[in-house]
Amino acid sequence: MAVDALLFVLELACVALVVAGVALWSVPAACVAAGVMGVIVLERTQASRRRGARR
């Protein structure tokens, strides 16, 4: 359980750094990238909930 939390925090930090780096280059591109990454996160969350409900 602690490993999952650590990996989640690490993934969140990496995503934040990527979005911040893109924002230094282009703010609209960073907004689009953050939106796409947000959709991916929601899809992953819904998929894991569906998988957990089937067990």
C-alpha atoms as a PDB file:
ATOM      1  CA  MET A   1       0.000   0.000   0.000  1.00  0.00           C
ATOM      2  CA  ALA A   2       2.794   2.427   0.856  1.00  0.00           C
ATOM      3  CA  VAL A   3       4.539   1.601  -2.401  1.00  0.00           C
ATOM      4  CA  ASP A   4       1.387   2.482  -4.349  1.00  0.00           C
ATOM      5  CA  ALA A   5       1.149   5.832  -2.560  1.00  0.00           C
ATOM      6  CA  LEU A   6       4.817   6.551  -3.229  1.00  0.00           C
ATOM      7  CA  LEU A   7       4.447   5.709  -6.913  1.00  0.00           C
ATOM      8  CA  PHE A   8       1.354   7.937  -7.114  1.00  0.00           C
ATOM      9  CA  VAL A   9       3.252  10.884  -5.613  1.00  0.00           C
ATOM     10  CA  LEU A  10       6.196  10.271  -7.944  1.00  0.00           C
ATOM     11  CA  GLU A  11       3.905  10.119 -10.974  1.00  0.00           C
ATOM     12  CA  LEU A  12       2.133  13.306  -9.897  1.00  0.00           C
ATOM     13  CA  ALA A  13       5.464  15.115  -9.469  1.00  0.00           C
ATOM     14  CA  CYS A  14       6.638  14.023 -12.923  1.00  0.00           C
ATOM     15  CA  VAL A  15       3.415  15.203 -14.541  1.00  0.00           C
ATOM     16  CA  ALA A  16       3.642  18.547 -12.739  1.00  0.00           C
ATOM     17  CA  LEU A  17       7.217  19.014 -13.929  1.00  0.00           C
ATOM     18  CA  VAL A  18       6.277  18.193 -17.515  1.00  0.00           C
ATOM     19  CA  VAL A  19       3.374  20.649 -17.485  1.00  0.00           C
ATOM     20  CA  ALA A  20       5.568  23.337 -15.878  1.00  0.00           C
ATOM     21  CA  GLY A  21       8.268  22.764 -18.488  1.00  0.00           C
ATOM     22  CA  VAL A  22       5.789  23.035 -21.333  1.00  0.00           C
ATOM     23  CA  ALA A  23       4.330  26.184 -19.724  1.00  0.00           C
ATOM     24  CA  LEU A  24       7.752  27.820 -19.924  1.00  0.00           C
ATOM     25  CA  TRP A  25       7.580  27.309 -23.677  1.00  0.00           C
ATOM     26  CA  SER A  26       3.860  27.860 -24.343  1.00  0.00           C
ATOM     27  CA  VAL A  27       1.040  28.398 -21.849  1.00  0.00           C
ATOM     28  CA  PRO A  28      -1.765  27.243 -24.220  1.00  0.00           C
ATOM     29  CA  ALA A  29       0.169  24.057 -24.973  1.00  0.00           C
ATOM     30  CA  ALA A  30       0.553  23.449 -21.241  1.00  0.00           C
ATOM     31  CA  CYS A  31      -3.201  23.846 -20.753  1.00  0.00           C
ATOM     32  CA  VAL A  32      -3.891  21.330 -23.514  1.00  0.00           C
ATOM     33  CA  ALA A  33      -1.310  18.906 -22.115  1.00  0.00           C
ATOM     34  CA  ALA A  34      -2.763  19.207 -18.611  1.00  0.00           C
ATOM     35  CA  GLY A  35      -6.255  18.545 -19.969  1.00  0.00           C
ATOM     36  CA  VAL A  36      -5.141  15.461 -21.857  1.00  0.00           C
ATOM     37  CA  MET A  37      -3.272  14.145 -18.826  1.00  0.00           C
ATOM     38  CA  GLY A  38      -6.337  14.794 -16.670  1.00  0.00           C
ATOM     39  CA  VAL A  39      -8.485  12.713 -19.007  1.00  0.00           C
ATOM     40  CA  ILE A  40      -5.930   9.906 -18.888  1.00  0.00           C
ATOM     41  CA  VAL A  41      -5.939   9.961 -15.089  1.00  0.00           C
ATOM     42  CA  LEU A  42      -9.731   9.804 -14.978  1.00  0.00           C
ATOM     43  CA  GLU A  43      -9.784   6.892 -17.423  1.00  0.00           C
ATOM     44  CA  ARG A  44      -7.207   4.998 -15.366  1.00  0.00           C
ATOM     45  CA  THR A  45      -9.170   5.621 -12.166  1.00  0.00           C
ATOM     46  CA  GLN A  46     -12.425   4.434 -13.715  1.00  0.00           C
ATOM     47  CA  ALA A  47     -10.736   1.352 -15.148  1.00  0.00           C
ATOM     48  CA  SER A  48      -9.236   0.392 -11.785  1.00  0.00           C
ATOM     49  CA  ARG A  49     -12.630   0.850 -10.079  1.00  0.00           C
ATOM     50  CA  ARG A  50     -14.324  -1.329 -12.682  1.00  0.00           C
ATOM     51  CA  ARG A  51     -11.641  -3.977 -12.279  1.00  0.00           C
ATOM     52  CA  GLY A  52     -12.044  -3.876  -8.487  1.00  0.00           C
ATOM     53  CA  ALA A  53     -15.823  -4.226  -8.716  1.00  0.00           C
ATOM     54  CA  ARG A  54     -15.525  -7.390 -10.832  1.00  0.00           C
ATOM     55  CA  ARG A  55     -13.389  -9.179  -8.248  1.00  0.00           C
END
